[in-house]
N, C-alpha and C. Protein backbone atom coordinates (compact mmCIF):
# COMPACT_ATOMS: atom_id res chain seq x y z
N MET A 1 -3.64 -50.91 -14.81
CA MET A 1 -4.50 -49.75 -14.55
C MET A 1 -5.35 -49.47 -15.78
N SER A 2 -6.65 -49.27 -15.54
CA SER A 2 -7.56 -49.03 -16.66
C SER A 2 -7.28 -47.68 -17.30
N ALA A 3 -7.73 -47.55 -18.54
CA ALA A 3 -7.54 -46.29 -19.26
C ALA A 3 -8.28 -45.16 -18.55
N PHE A 4 -9.45 -45.49 -17.96
CA PHE A 4 -10.23 -44.46 -17.25
C PHE A 4 -9.46 -43.93 -16.05
N ARG A 5 -8.89 -44.85 -15.25
CA ARG A 5 -8.16 -44.42 -14.06
C ARG A 5 -6.91 -43.62 -14.45
N ALA A 6 -6.24 -44.05 -15.49
CA ALA A 6 -5.05 -43.33 -15.94
C ALA A 6 -5.40 -41.92 -16.41
N SER A 7 -6.48 -41.80 -17.15
CA SER A 7 -6.91 -40.48 -17.63
C SER A 7 -7.28 -39.58 -16.46
N LEU A 8 -7.96 -40.17 -15.44
CA LEU A 8 -8.37 -39.38 -14.28
C LEU A 8 -7.16 -38.88 -13.52
N LEU A 9 -6.16 -39.74 -13.33
CA LEU A 9 -4.94 -39.32 -12.62
C LEU A 9 -4.19 -38.24 -13.39
N LEU A 10 -4.14 -38.36 -14.69
CA LEU A 10 -3.48 -37.33 -15.50
C LEU A 10 -4.20 -36.00 -15.38
N LEU A 11 -5.54 -36.05 -15.35
CA LEU A 11 -6.33 -34.82 -15.24
C LEU A 11 -6.12 -34.17 -13.88
N LEU A 12 -6.12 -35.00 -12.82
CA LEU A 12 -5.88 -34.45 -11.48
C LEU A 12 -4.49 -33.87 -11.36
N GLY A 13 -3.52 -34.53 -11.96
CA GLY A 13 -2.15 -34.02 -11.91
C GLY A 13 -2.00 -32.70 -12.62
N ALA A 14 -2.75 -32.52 -13.69
CA ALA A 14 -2.69 -31.25 -14.43
C ALA A 14 -3.27 -30.11 -13.63
N CYS A 15 -4.16 -30.43 -12.67
CA CYS A 15 -4.80 -29.38 -11.86
C CYS A 15 -3.95 -28.96 -10.68
N LEU A 16 -2.93 -29.75 -10.34
CA LEU A 16 -2.09 -29.41 -9.20
C LEU A 16 -1.22 -28.19 -9.52
N PRO A 17 -0.98 -27.34 -8.52
CA PRO A 17 -0.17 -26.15 -8.77
C PRO A 17 1.27 -26.50 -9.08
N ALA A 18 1.74 -26.02 -10.20
CA ALA A 18 3.11 -26.29 -10.61
C ALA A 18 3.99 -25.06 -10.47
N ALA A 19 3.40 -23.89 -10.21
CA ALA A 19 4.16 -22.65 -10.12
C ALA A 19 4.91 -22.59 -8.79
N GLU A 20 6.03 -21.92 -8.81
CA GLU A 20 6.88 -21.76 -7.63
C GLU A 20 6.88 -20.30 -7.21
N LEU A 21 6.68 -20.07 -5.91
CA LEU A 21 6.66 -18.70 -5.40
C LEU A 21 8.09 -18.19 -5.21
N VAL A 22 8.48 -17.25 -6.05
CA VAL A 22 9.79 -16.61 -5.93
C VAL A 22 9.57 -15.11 -6.11
N ILE A 23 9.62 -14.38 -5.02
CA ILE A 23 9.43 -12.92 -5.07
C ILE A 23 10.70 -12.25 -4.59
N ARG A 24 11.37 -11.62 -5.50
CA ARG A 24 12.57 -10.81 -5.24
C ARG A 24 12.37 -9.53 -6.04
N ASP A 25 11.52 -8.66 -5.55
CA ASP A 25 10.98 -7.58 -6.39
C ASP A 25 11.24 -6.20 -5.83
N VAL A 26 11.36 -5.25 -6.72
CA VAL A 26 11.26 -3.83 -6.39
C VAL A 26 10.31 -3.20 -7.42
N GLY A 27 9.49 -2.26 -6.97
CA GLY A 27 8.53 -1.68 -7.89
C GLY A 27 8.05 -0.32 -7.45
N VAL A 28 7.30 0.31 -8.32
CA VAL A 28 6.72 1.62 -8.03
C VAL A 28 5.27 1.59 -8.46
N SER A 29 4.40 2.26 -7.69
CA SER A 29 2.97 2.27 -8.00
C SER A 29 2.39 3.66 -7.76
N LEU A 30 1.33 3.94 -8.48
CA LEU A 30 0.60 5.19 -8.35
C LEU A 30 -0.84 4.85 -8.01
N GLY A 31 -1.37 5.49 -6.96
CA GLY A 31 -2.72 5.14 -6.54
C GLY A 31 -3.41 6.25 -5.80
N THR A 32 -4.46 5.85 -5.09
CA THR A 32 -5.27 6.80 -4.35
C THR A 32 -5.47 6.32 -2.93
N ALA A 33 -5.82 7.22 -2.05
CA ALA A 33 -6.08 6.95 -0.64
C ALA A 33 -7.34 7.72 -0.23
N PRO A 34 -7.89 7.43 0.94
CA PRO A 34 -9.12 8.13 1.36
C PRO A 34 -8.92 9.66 1.40
N SER A 35 -9.87 10.39 0.84
CA SER A 35 -9.79 11.85 0.83
C SER A 35 -10.63 12.48 1.94
N GLU A 36 -11.55 11.74 2.53
CA GLU A 36 -12.37 12.27 3.61
C GLU A 36 -11.70 12.01 4.95
N PHE A 37 -11.87 12.93 5.89
CA PHE A 37 -11.24 12.78 7.20
C PHE A 37 -12.06 13.49 8.27
N SER A 38 -11.83 13.08 9.51
CA SER A 38 -12.39 13.77 10.67
C SER A 38 -11.24 14.45 11.42
N TYR A 39 -11.56 15.48 12.19
CA TYR A 39 -10.50 16.22 12.87
C TYR A 39 -10.97 16.72 14.24
N ASP A 40 -9.99 16.91 15.11
CA ASP A 40 -10.16 17.57 16.41
C ASP A 40 -9.07 18.62 16.50
N ILE A 41 -9.46 19.86 16.79
CA ILE A 41 -8.49 20.95 16.82
C ILE A 41 -8.66 21.76 18.11
N ASP A 42 -7.52 22.14 18.69
CA ASP A 42 -7.47 22.97 19.90
C ASP A 42 -6.59 24.17 19.62
N ASN A 43 -7.11 25.36 19.92
CA ASN A 43 -6.32 26.58 19.83
C ASN A 43 -6.92 27.63 20.76
N SER A 44 -6.47 28.85 20.62
CA SER A 44 -6.91 29.91 21.53
C SER A 44 -8.40 30.20 21.43
N ALA A 45 -9.02 29.81 20.31
CA ALA A 45 -10.45 30.04 20.13
C ALA A 45 -11.29 28.93 20.76
N GLY A 46 -10.64 27.86 21.26
CA GLY A 46 -11.37 26.76 21.86
C GLY A 46 -11.09 25.43 21.17
N SER A 47 -11.94 24.46 21.46
CA SER A 47 -11.81 23.12 20.88
C SER A 47 -13.03 22.82 20.01
N ARG A 48 -12.80 22.16 18.91
CA ARG A 48 -13.91 21.80 18.04
C ARG A 48 -13.54 20.58 17.20
N SER A 49 -14.57 19.90 16.73
CA SER A 49 -14.41 18.69 15.92
C SER A 49 -15.27 18.81 14.67
N GLY A 50 -14.93 18.02 13.67
CA GLY A 50 -15.73 18.06 12.45
C GLY A 50 -15.23 17.08 11.41
N ASP A 51 -15.79 17.19 10.23
CA ASP A 51 -15.41 16.35 9.09
C ASP A 51 -15.12 17.24 7.89
N ASP A 52 -14.20 16.78 7.05
CA ASP A 52 -13.83 17.54 5.85
C ASP A 52 -13.33 16.54 4.82
N SER A 53 -13.01 17.03 3.64
CA SER A 53 -12.45 16.18 2.59
C SER A 53 -11.59 17.02 1.66
N PHE A 54 -10.55 16.38 1.12
CA PHE A 54 -9.72 17.01 0.11
C PHE A 54 -10.38 16.85 -1.26
N ASP A 55 -10.06 17.76 -2.15
CA ASP A 55 -10.62 17.69 -3.50
C ASP A 55 -9.83 16.75 -4.40
N THR A 56 -8.55 16.59 -4.13
CA THR A 56 -7.71 15.66 -4.90
C THR A 56 -6.85 14.86 -3.93
N MET A 57 -6.51 13.64 -4.33
CA MET A 57 -5.65 12.79 -3.49
C MET A 57 -4.94 11.77 -4.38
N PHE A 58 -3.62 11.65 -4.24
CA PHE A 58 -2.89 10.58 -4.91
C PHE A 58 -1.70 10.17 -4.05
N GLU A 59 -1.15 9.00 -4.37
CA GLU A 59 -0.06 8.44 -3.59
C GLU A 59 0.93 7.75 -4.51
N LEU A 60 2.20 8.02 -4.31
CA LEU A 60 3.28 7.37 -5.05
C LEU A 60 4.08 6.53 -4.07
N GLU A 61 4.24 5.23 -4.38
CA GLU A 61 4.90 4.33 -3.44
C GLU A 61 5.97 3.50 -4.15
N GLY A 62 7.14 3.42 -3.53
CA GLY A 62 8.19 2.52 -3.97
C GLY A 62 8.31 1.38 -2.97
N THR A 63 8.28 0.14 -3.43
CA THR A 63 8.21 -1.02 -2.54
C THR A 63 9.18 -2.11 -2.99
N GLY A 64 9.77 -2.79 -2.02
CA GLY A 64 10.55 -3.99 -2.28
C GLY A 64 9.95 -5.15 -1.50
N ARG A 65 9.92 -6.35 -2.10
CA ARG A 65 9.36 -7.54 -1.42
C ARG A 65 10.30 -8.73 -1.61
N TYR A 66 10.22 -9.63 -0.61
CA TYR A 66 11.06 -10.83 -0.62
C TYR A 66 10.26 -11.99 -0.04
N SER A 67 10.22 -13.12 -0.74
CA SER A 67 9.47 -14.28 -0.26
C SER A 67 10.42 -15.31 0.36
N PHE A 68 9.87 -16.11 1.29
CA PHE A 68 10.66 -17.11 2.00
C PHE A 68 10.16 -18.52 1.74
N ALA A 69 9.49 -18.74 0.63
CA ALA A 69 9.04 -20.08 0.26
C ALA A 69 10.23 -20.96 -0.13
N GLY A 70 10.11 -22.24 0.17
CA GLY A 70 11.17 -23.17 -0.20
C GLY A 70 11.09 -23.56 -1.67
N THR A 71 12.10 -24.28 -2.11
CA THR A 71 12.15 -24.70 -3.50
C THR A 71 10.94 -25.56 -3.86
N GLY A 72 10.25 -25.19 -4.92
CA GLY A 72 9.09 -25.94 -5.37
C GLY A 72 7.78 -25.59 -4.69
N GLU A 73 7.79 -24.74 -3.68
CA GLU A 73 6.58 -24.39 -2.95
C GLU A 73 5.86 -23.22 -3.61
N SER A 74 4.54 -23.31 -3.67
CA SER A 74 3.75 -22.24 -4.28
C SER A 74 3.23 -21.24 -3.24
N TRP A 75 3.31 -21.58 -1.95
CA TRP A 75 2.90 -20.68 -0.87
C TRP A 75 4.11 -20.28 -0.04
N GLY A 76 4.03 -19.10 0.60
CA GLY A 76 5.12 -18.71 1.47
C GLY A 76 4.95 -17.34 2.09
N LEU A 77 5.77 -17.09 3.09
CA LEU A 77 5.79 -15.79 3.76
C LEU A 77 6.43 -14.75 2.86
N VAL A 78 5.85 -13.54 2.85
CA VAL A 78 6.37 -12.44 2.05
C VAL A 78 6.53 -11.22 2.94
N ALA A 79 7.74 -10.65 2.97
CA ALA A 79 8.02 -9.43 3.73
C ALA A 79 8.41 -8.32 2.77
N GLY A 80 8.11 -7.10 3.16
CA GLY A 80 8.42 -5.97 2.28
C GLY A 80 8.65 -4.68 3.04
N GLY A 81 9.07 -3.69 2.32
CA GLY A 81 9.29 -2.36 2.88
C GLY A 81 9.43 -1.35 1.77
N GLY A 82 9.25 -0.09 2.13
CA GLY A 82 9.38 0.94 1.09
C GLY A 82 9.08 2.33 1.62
N LEU A 83 8.88 3.22 0.69
CA LEU A 83 8.66 4.63 0.97
C LEU A 83 7.47 5.12 0.15
N ALA A 84 6.59 5.87 0.78
CA ALA A 84 5.40 6.39 0.11
C ALA A 84 5.28 7.89 0.33
N VAL A 85 4.84 8.59 -0.71
CA VAL A 85 4.56 10.03 -0.64
C VAL A 85 3.09 10.23 -0.99
N GLN A 86 2.37 10.88 -0.11
CA GLN A 86 0.94 11.09 -0.27
C GLN A 86 0.67 12.59 -0.40
N ARG A 87 -0.09 12.96 -1.42
CA ARG A 87 -0.37 14.38 -1.68
C ARG A 87 -1.86 14.57 -1.89
N ALA A 88 -2.45 15.50 -1.13
CA ALA A 88 -3.86 15.85 -1.27
C ALA A 88 -3.99 17.36 -1.31
N GLY A 89 -5.02 17.84 -2.00
CA GLY A 89 -5.15 19.28 -2.13
C GLY A 89 -6.58 19.76 -2.12
N TYR A 90 -6.74 21.02 -1.82
CA TYR A 90 -8.02 21.73 -1.92
C TYR A 90 -8.06 22.51 -3.22
N ALA A 91 -9.24 22.67 -3.78
CA ALA A 91 -9.38 23.41 -5.03
C ALA A 91 -8.94 24.86 -4.87
N GLN A 92 -9.17 25.44 -3.68
CA GLN A 92 -8.83 26.85 -3.46
C GLN A 92 -7.38 27.05 -3.04
N GLY A 93 -6.60 25.95 -2.89
CA GLY A 93 -5.20 26.07 -2.52
C GLY A 93 -4.92 25.42 -1.17
N GLY A 94 -3.66 25.06 -0.97
CA GLY A 94 -3.29 24.37 0.27
C GLY A 94 -3.55 22.88 0.16
N GLY A 95 -3.19 22.14 1.22
CA GLY A 95 -3.43 20.71 1.20
C GLY A 95 -2.52 19.96 2.14
N TRP A 96 -2.38 18.67 1.87
CA TRP A 96 -1.72 17.71 2.75
C TRP A 96 -0.56 17.05 2.02
N LEU A 97 0.58 16.93 2.71
CA LEU A 97 1.73 16.24 2.17
C LEU A 97 2.30 15.34 3.26
N ALA A 98 2.38 14.04 3.00
CA ALA A 98 2.90 13.09 3.98
C ALA A 98 3.93 12.19 3.33
N THR A 99 4.99 11.89 4.06
CA THR A 99 6.02 10.95 3.63
C THR A 99 6.11 9.85 4.67
N GLU A 100 5.93 8.60 4.25
CA GLU A 100 5.90 7.47 5.18
C GLU A 100 6.94 6.42 4.80
N VAL A 101 7.57 5.86 5.81
CA VAL A 101 8.33 4.62 5.67
C VAL A 101 7.38 3.48 6.01
N ARG A 102 7.29 2.48 5.14
CA ARG A 102 6.31 1.41 5.32
C ARG A 102 6.98 0.04 5.39
N GLY A 103 6.38 -0.83 6.20
CA GLY A 103 6.77 -2.23 6.26
C GLY A 103 5.54 -3.09 6.05
N SER A 104 5.74 -4.29 5.51
CA SER A 104 4.61 -5.18 5.25
C SER A 104 5.00 -6.62 5.53
N LEU A 105 4.00 -7.43 5.89
CA LEU A 105 4.21 -8.85 6.15
C LEU A 105 2.94 -9.58 5.76
N GLY A 106 3.09 -10.67 5.00
CA GLY A 106 1.90 -11.38 4.56
C GLY A 106 2.23 -12.72 3.96
N VAL A 107 1.31 -13.23 3.15
CA VAL A 107 1.43 -14.54 2.52
C VAL A 107 1.26 -14.38 1.01
N GLY A 108 2.11 -15.06 0.25
CA GLY A 108 2.01 -15.03 -1.20
C GLY A 108 1.65 -16.40 -1.75
N TRP A 109 0.98 -16.40 -2.90
CA TRP A 109 0.58 -17.64 -3.56
C TRP A 109 0.83 -17.50 -5.06
N ALA A 110 1.67 -18.36 -5.60
CA ALA A 110 1.90 -18.41 -7.05
C ALA A 110 0.79 -19.26 -7.67
N VAL A 111 -0.23 -18.60 -8.20
CA VAL A 111 -1.38 -19.31 -8.76
C VAL A 111 -0.96 -20.14 -9.97
N ASN A 112 -0.18 -19.52 -10.84
CA ASN A 112 0.40 -20.20 -11.99
C ASN A 112 1.64 -19.42 -12.41
N ASP A 113 2.17 -19.73 -13.57
CA ASP A 113 3.41 -19.07 -14.00
C ASP A 113 3.22 -17.59 -14.31
N ARG A 114 1.98 -17.17 -14.47
CA ARG A 114 1.70 -15.78 -14.82
C ARG A 114 1.23 -14.93 -13.64
N LEU A 115 0.44 -15.53 -12.74
CA LEU A 115 -0.26 -14.77 -11.71
C LEU A 115 0.22 -15.15 -10.32
N THR A 116 0.55 -14.11 -9.51
CA THR A 116 0.89 -14.28 -8.10
C THR A 116 0.01 -13.35 -7.28
N LEU A 117 -0.55 -13.88 -6.20
CA LEU A 117 -1.39 -13.12 -5.30
C LEU A 117 -0.72 -12.97 -3.94
N ILE A 118 -0.86 -11.79 -3.33
CA ILE A 118 -0.27 -11.51 -2.02
C ILE A 118 -1.33 -10.85 -1.14
N GLY A 119 -1.48 -11.33 0.07
CA GLY A 119 -2.28 -10.66 1.09
C GLY A 119 -1.35 -10.22 2.20
N GLU A 120 -1.37 -8.95 2.56
CA GLU A 120 -0.39 -8.44 3.51
C GLU A 120 -0.95 -7.36 4.41
N GLY A 121 -0.42 -7.32 5.63
CA GLY A 121 -0.65 -6.20 6.53
C GLY A 121 0.44 -5.16 6.32
N VAL A 122 0.07 -3.90 6.42
CA VAL A 122 0.99 -2.80 6.13
C VAL A 122 0.97 -1.81 7.30
N PHE A 123 2.14 -1.32 7.67
CA PHE A 123 2.21 -0.28 8.69
C PHE A 123 3.16 0.82 8.22
N GLY A 124 2.68 2.06 8.28
CA GLY A 124 3.49 3.20 7.87
C GLY A 124 3.68 4.19 9.00
N ILE A 125 4.83 4.80 9.06
CA ILE A 125 5.12 5.86 10.02
C ILE A 125 5.92 6.95 9.31
N GLY A 126 5.57 8.21 9.59
CA GLY A 126 6.27 9.27 8.88
C GLY A 126 5.92 10.65 9.39
N ILE A 127 6.11 11.62 8.52
CA ILE A 127 5.86 13.01 8.86
C ILE A 127 4.87 13.60 7.85
N ALA A 128 4.13 14.60 8.29
CA ALA A 128 3.11 15.21 7.43
C ALA A 128 3.01 16.70 7.70
N THR A 129 2.54 17.41 6.67
CA THR A 129 2.30 18.85 6.76
C THR A 129 0.93 19.15 6.19
N LEU A 130 0.17 19.98 6.89
CA LEU A 130 -1.13 20.44 6.41
C LEU A 130 -1.06 21.95 6.22
N HIS A 131 -1.32 22.39 5.00
CA HIS A 131 -1.30 23.81 4.65
C HIS A 131 -2.73 24.26 4.39
N ILE A 132 -3.19 25.23 5.17
CA ILE A 132 -4.55 25.76 5.01
C ILE A 132 -4.45 27.19 4.50
N ASP A 133 -4.97 27.40 3.29
CA ASP A 133 -4.98 28.72 2.67
C ASP A 133 -6.35 29.35 2.89
N GLY A 134 -6.42 30.29 3.81
CA GLY A 134 -7.70 30.90 4.14
C GLY A 134 -8.17 31.97 3.18
N GLY A 135 -7.34 32.30 2.19
CA GLY A 135 -7.72 33.35 1.24
C GLY A 135 -7.80 34.70 1.91
N ASP A 136 -8.77 35.49 1.51
CA ASP A 136 -8.93 36.83 2.08
C ASP A 136 -9.68 36.81 3.41
N ALA A 137 -10.38 35.71 3.70
CA ALA A 137 -11.24 35.68 4.89
C ALA A 137 -10.50 35.24 6.15
N PHE A 138 -9.50 34.34 6.01
CA PHE A 138 -8.81 33.80 7.18
C PHE A 138 -7.31 33.81 6.93
N PRO A 139 -6.52 33.83 8.02
CA PRO A 139 -5.07 33.81 7.86
C PRO A 139 -4.58 32.44 7.39
N GLU A 140 -3.46 32.44 6.68
CA GLU A 140 -2.84 31.20 6.23
C GLU A 140 -2.27 30.45 7.43
N SER A 141 -2.34 29.12 7.40
CA SER A 141 -1.88 28.32 8.53
C SER A 141 -1.13 27.10 8.02
N ARG A 142 -0.07 26.72 8.74
CA ARG A 142 0.69 25.51 8.43
C ARG A 142 0.90 24.72 9.71
N LEU A 143 0.58 23.43 9.65
CA LEU A 143 0.76 22.53 10.78
C LEU A 143 1.57 21.33 10.32
N SER A 144 2.40 20.79 11.20
CA SER A 144 3.21 19.63 10.84
C SER A 144 3.35 18.71 12.04
N GLY A 145 3.68 17.46 11.77
CA GLY A 145 3.84 16.50 12.86
C GLY A 145 3.99 15.09 12.35
N ARG A 146 3.58 14.13 13.19
CA ARG A 146 3.77 12.70 12.93
C ARG A 146 2.51 12.08 12.37
N VAL A 147 2.69 11.05 11.55
CA VAL A 147 1.56 10.32 11.00
C VAL A 147 1.82 8.81 11.15
N LEU A 148 0.77 8.07 11.54
CA LEU A 148 0.80 6.61 11.63
C LEU A 148 -0.29 6.06 10.71
N ALA A 149 0.02 4.96 10.01
CA ALA A 149 -0.94 4.47 9.01
C ALA A 149 -0.92 2.94 8.93
N PRO A 150 -1.69 2.22 9.78
CA PRO A 150 -1.84 0.78 9.62
C PRO A 150 -2.88 0.45 8.57
N GLY A 151 -2.76 -0.73 7.97
CA GLY A 151 -3.74 -1.13 6.96
C GLY A 151 -3.51 -2.55 6.49
N ALA A 152 -4.27 -2.96 5.51
CA ALA A 152 -4.15 -4.29 4.89
C ALA A 152 -4.53 -4.17 3.43
N ARG A 153 -3.93 -5.03 2.59
CA ARG A 153 -4.24 -4.96 1.17
C ARG A 153 -3.97 -6.30 0.48
N ALA A 154 -4.61 -6.46 -0.66
CA ALA A 154 -4.38 -7.59 -1.55
C ALA A 154 -3.67 -7.08 -2.79
N VAL A 155 -2.68 -7.83 -3.25
CA VAL A 155 -1.86 -7.43 -4.40
C VAL A 155 -1.86 -8.56 -5.43
N ALA A 156 -2.08 -8.22 -6.68
CA ALA A 156 -1.97 -9.18 -7.78
C ALA A 156 -0.80 -8.77 -8.66
N LEU A 157 0.08 -9.73 -8.95
CA LEU A 157 1.23 -9.52 -9.84
C LEU A 157 1.03 -10.36 -11.10
N TRP A 158 1.11 -9.71 -12.25
CA TRP A 158 0.93 -10.41 -13.53
C TRP A 158 2.22 -10.30 -14.33
N THR A 159 2.75 -11.45 -14.74
CA THR A 159 4.04 -11.50 -15.42
C THR A 159 3.93 -11.10 -16.89
N PHE A 160 4.77 -10.13 -17.30
CA PHE A 160 4.89 -9.77 -18.71
C PHE A 160 6.10 -10.45 -19.36
N SER A 161 7.16 -10.63 -18.54
CA SER A 161 8.36 -11.30 -19.01
C SER A 161 9.02 -11.95 -17.80
N GLU A 162 10.21 -12.49 -17.98
CA GLU A 162 10.88 -13.18 -16.88
C GLU A 162 11.17 -12.24 -15.72
N GLN A 163 11.36 -10.95 -15.99
CA GLN A 163 11.75 -10.00 -14.93
C GLN A 163 10.74 -8.89 -14.69
N TRP A 164 9.76 -8.68 -15.55
CA TRP A 164 8.86 -7.55 -15.42
C TRP A 164 7.42 -7.99 -15.15
N TYR A 165 6.79 -7.29 -14.22
CA TYR A 165 5.41 -7.57 -13.81
C TYR A 165 4.59 -6.29 -13.81
N GLY A 166 3.29 -6.45 -13.93
CA GLY A 166 2.36 -5.39 -13.62
C GLY A 166 1.74 -5.70 -12.27
N SER A 167 1.40 -4.68 -11.49
CA SER A 167 0.81 -4.89 -10.17
C SER A 167 -0.50 -4.13 -10.04
N LEU A 168 -1.44 -4.73 -9.31
CA LEU A 168 -2.72 -4.12 -9.01
C LEU A 168 -3.04 -4.42 -7.55
N SER A 169 -3.36 -3.39 -6.76
CA SER A 169 -3.61 -3.61 -5.34
C SER A 169 -4.86 -2.87 -4.89
N ALA A 170 -5.49 -3.40 -3.85
CA ALA A 170 -6.66 -2.78 -3.23
C ALA A 170 -6.67 -3.15 -1.76
N GLY A 171 -7.12 -2.23 -0.91
CA GLY A 171 -7.13 -2.52 0.51
C GLY A 171 -7.82 -1.45 1.33
N MET A 172 -7.55 -1.50 2.63
CA MET A 172 -8.09 -0.55 3.59
C MET A 172 -6.95 0.03 4.40
N THR A 173 -7.08 1.30 4.79
CA THR A 173 -6.05 1.93 5.61
C THR A 173 -6.68 2.94 6.56
N GLN A 174 -5.99 3.20 7.64
CA GLN A 174 -6.36 4.28 8.55
C GLN A 174 -5.14 5.16 8.78
N THR A 175 -5.26 6.42 8.44
CA THR A 175 -4.19 7.38 8.63
C THR A 175 -4.54 8.31 9.79
N ARG A 176 -3.62 8.41 10.74
CA ARG A 176 -3.84 9.27 11.90
C ARG A 176 -2.66 10.21 12.05
N GLY A 177 -2.92 11.50 11.89
CA GLY A 177 -1.88 12.51 12.00
C GLY A 177 -2.05 13.34 13.25
N THR A 178 -0.94 13.59 13.95
CA THR A 178 -0.92 14.46 15.12
C THR A 178 -0.05 15.65 14.79
N LEU A 179 -0.68 16.79 14.51
CA LEU A 179 0.02 17.96 13.97
C LEU A 179 -0.12 19.16 14.90
N SER A 180 0.81 20.09 14.77
CA SER A 180 0.73 21.34 15.51
C SER A 180 1.41 22.45 14.72
N GLY A 181 1.03 23.69 15.03
CA GLY A 181 1.61 24.84 14.37
C GLY A 181 0.70 26.04 14.42
N ASP A 182 1.26 27.24 14.41
CA ASP A 182 0.51 28.50 14.44
C ASP A 182 -0.50 28.53 15.58
N GLY A 183 -0.08 28.01 16.74
CA GLY A 183 -0.92 28.06 17.93
C GLY A 183 -2.04 27.04 17.98
N SER A 184 -2.04 26.04 17.11
CA SER A 184 -3.10 25.04 17.07
C SER A 184 -2.52 23.63 17.18
N ASP A 185 -3.29 22.76 17.81
CA ASP A 185 -2.98 21.33 17.86
C ASP A 185 -4.11 20.59 17.15
N LEU A 186 -3.74 19.72 16.21
CA LEU A 186 -4.74 19.06 15.36
C LEU A 186 -4.51 17.56 15.34
N THR A 187 -5.60 16.81 15.49
CA THR A 187 -5.59 15.37 15.26
C THR A 187 -6.48 15.08 14.06
N LEU A 188 -5.93 14.44 13.05
CA LEU A 188 -6.64 14.16 11.80
C LEU A 188 -6.69 12.65 11.60
N THR A 189 -7.88 12.12 11.33
CA THR A 189 -8.05 10.68 11.13
C THR A 189 -8.81 10.42 9.84
N SER A 190 -8.24 9.56 9.00
CA SER A 190 -8.86 9.22 7.72
C SER A 190 -8.86 7.70 7.56
N THR A 191 -10.04 7.14 7.28
CA THR A 191 -10.18 5.69 7.12
C THR A 191 -10.93 5.39 5.83
N GLY A 192 -10.44 4.42 5.05
CA GLY A 192 -11.14 4.08 3.82
C GLY A 192 -10.33 3.18 2.90
N PHE A 193 -10.79 3.10 1.66
CA PHE A 193 -10.21 2.19 0.68
C PHE A 193 -9.00 2.82 -0.02
N THR A 194 -8.08 1.95 -0.40
CA THR A 194 -6.92 2.34 -1.21
C THR A 194 -6.88 1.50 -2.48
N GLY A 195 -6.23 2.01 -3.49
CA GLY A 195 -6.04 1.26 -4.73
C GLY A 195 -4.86 1.82 -5.48
N ALA A 196 -4.15 0.95 -6.20
CA ALA A 196 -2.97 1.40 -6.93
C ALA A 196 -2.66 0.45 -8.08
N ILE A 197 -1.96 0.99 -9.08
CA ILE A 197 -1.47 0.22 -10.21
C ILE A 197 0.01 0.55 -10.38
N GLY A 198 0.82 -0.46 -10.75
CA GLY A 198 2.24 -0.20 -10.82
C GLY A 198 3.01 -1.15 -11.71
N ILE A 199 4.32 -0.99 -11.68
CA ILE A 199 5.24 -1.82 -12.47
C ILE A 199 6.29 -2.38 -11.51
N VAL A 200 6.67 -3.65 -11.70
CA VAL A 200 7.56 -4.34 -10.77
C VAL A 200 8.69 -5.01 -11.55
N TRP A 201 9.90 -4.96 -10.99
CA TRP A 201 11.07 -5.61 -11.57
C TRP A 201 11.58 -6.68 -10.61
N ARG A 202 11.70 -7.93 -11.09
CA ARG A 202 12.25 -9.02 -10.29
C ARG A 202 13.75 -9.10 -10.52
N PHE A 203 14.53 -8.86 -9.46
CA PHE A 203 15.98 -8.81 -9.62
C PHE A 203 16.64 -10.18 -9.45
N SER A 204 15.88 -11.20 -8.98
CA SER A 204 16.43 -12.54 -8.86
C SER A 204 15.32 -13.55 -9.00
N ALA A 205 15.60 -14.70 -9.62
CA ALA A 205 14.61 -15.77 -9.77
C ALA A 205 14.98 -17.01 -8.98
N ARG A 206 15.93 -16.89 -8.04
CA ARG A 206 16.40 -18.05 -7.30
C ARG A 206 15.61 -18.18 -6.00
N PRO A 207 15.07 -19.38 -5.68
CA PRO A 207 14.38 -19.60 -4.41
C PRO A 207 15.32 -19.39 -3.23
N ALA A 208 14.72 -19.17 -2.04
CA ALA A 208 15.51 -18.84 -0.85
C ALA A 208 16.53 -19.91 -0.50
N LEU A 209 16.18 -21.19 -0.66
CA LEU A 209 17.09 -22.27 -0.27
C LEU A 209 18.29 -22.39 -1.19
N LEU A 210 18.23 -21.75 -2.36
CA LEU A 210 19.34 -21.84 -3.31
C LEU A 210 20.23 -20.62 -3.25
N GLU A 211 19.88 -19.63 -2.44
CA GLU A 211 20.66 -18.39 -2.40
C GLU A 211 21.82 -18.50 -1.41
């Protein structure tokens, strides 16, 4: 074999993915969710629709993920689940509080020993409360009910050590709440971008076939 061919093969071999996808993680992240929403409300005064937005919005999420890639594979199925708390508020008082149980399913790719990328679909179901503080002009109102939140997101995991990672995620979500209280029925729908940053701990480094 000529020196040129040998050098070319060595170069091509160096470009092949050598990282192995092993995700056995639990983590926590802090981020944001869409603050604008549309609503439909029915009460004794009639029915009406409109648009509104919260002045502040943040989300705290705890997530666990597990990959099903075989030994030596850089691609594989990734499943996850967790709990998220979403809090939004108005400057004059009152706001939105939702607690969701979430599940996710997607595909992970170990780009190299440092970087892992995940694309996943996410579905959340939970309960929510909307508190409206009318001040001196209107009576205070509280509504509560169920919330559903399907979405999709991309997640990047960057390794700091053998067990610790940083995470960065971005995606789209739609939150739909069906609430009632104080003589009113409310449907609230919010669609838009999400983003979060977090810290992740890998509790095992063994591939699925070795467990």
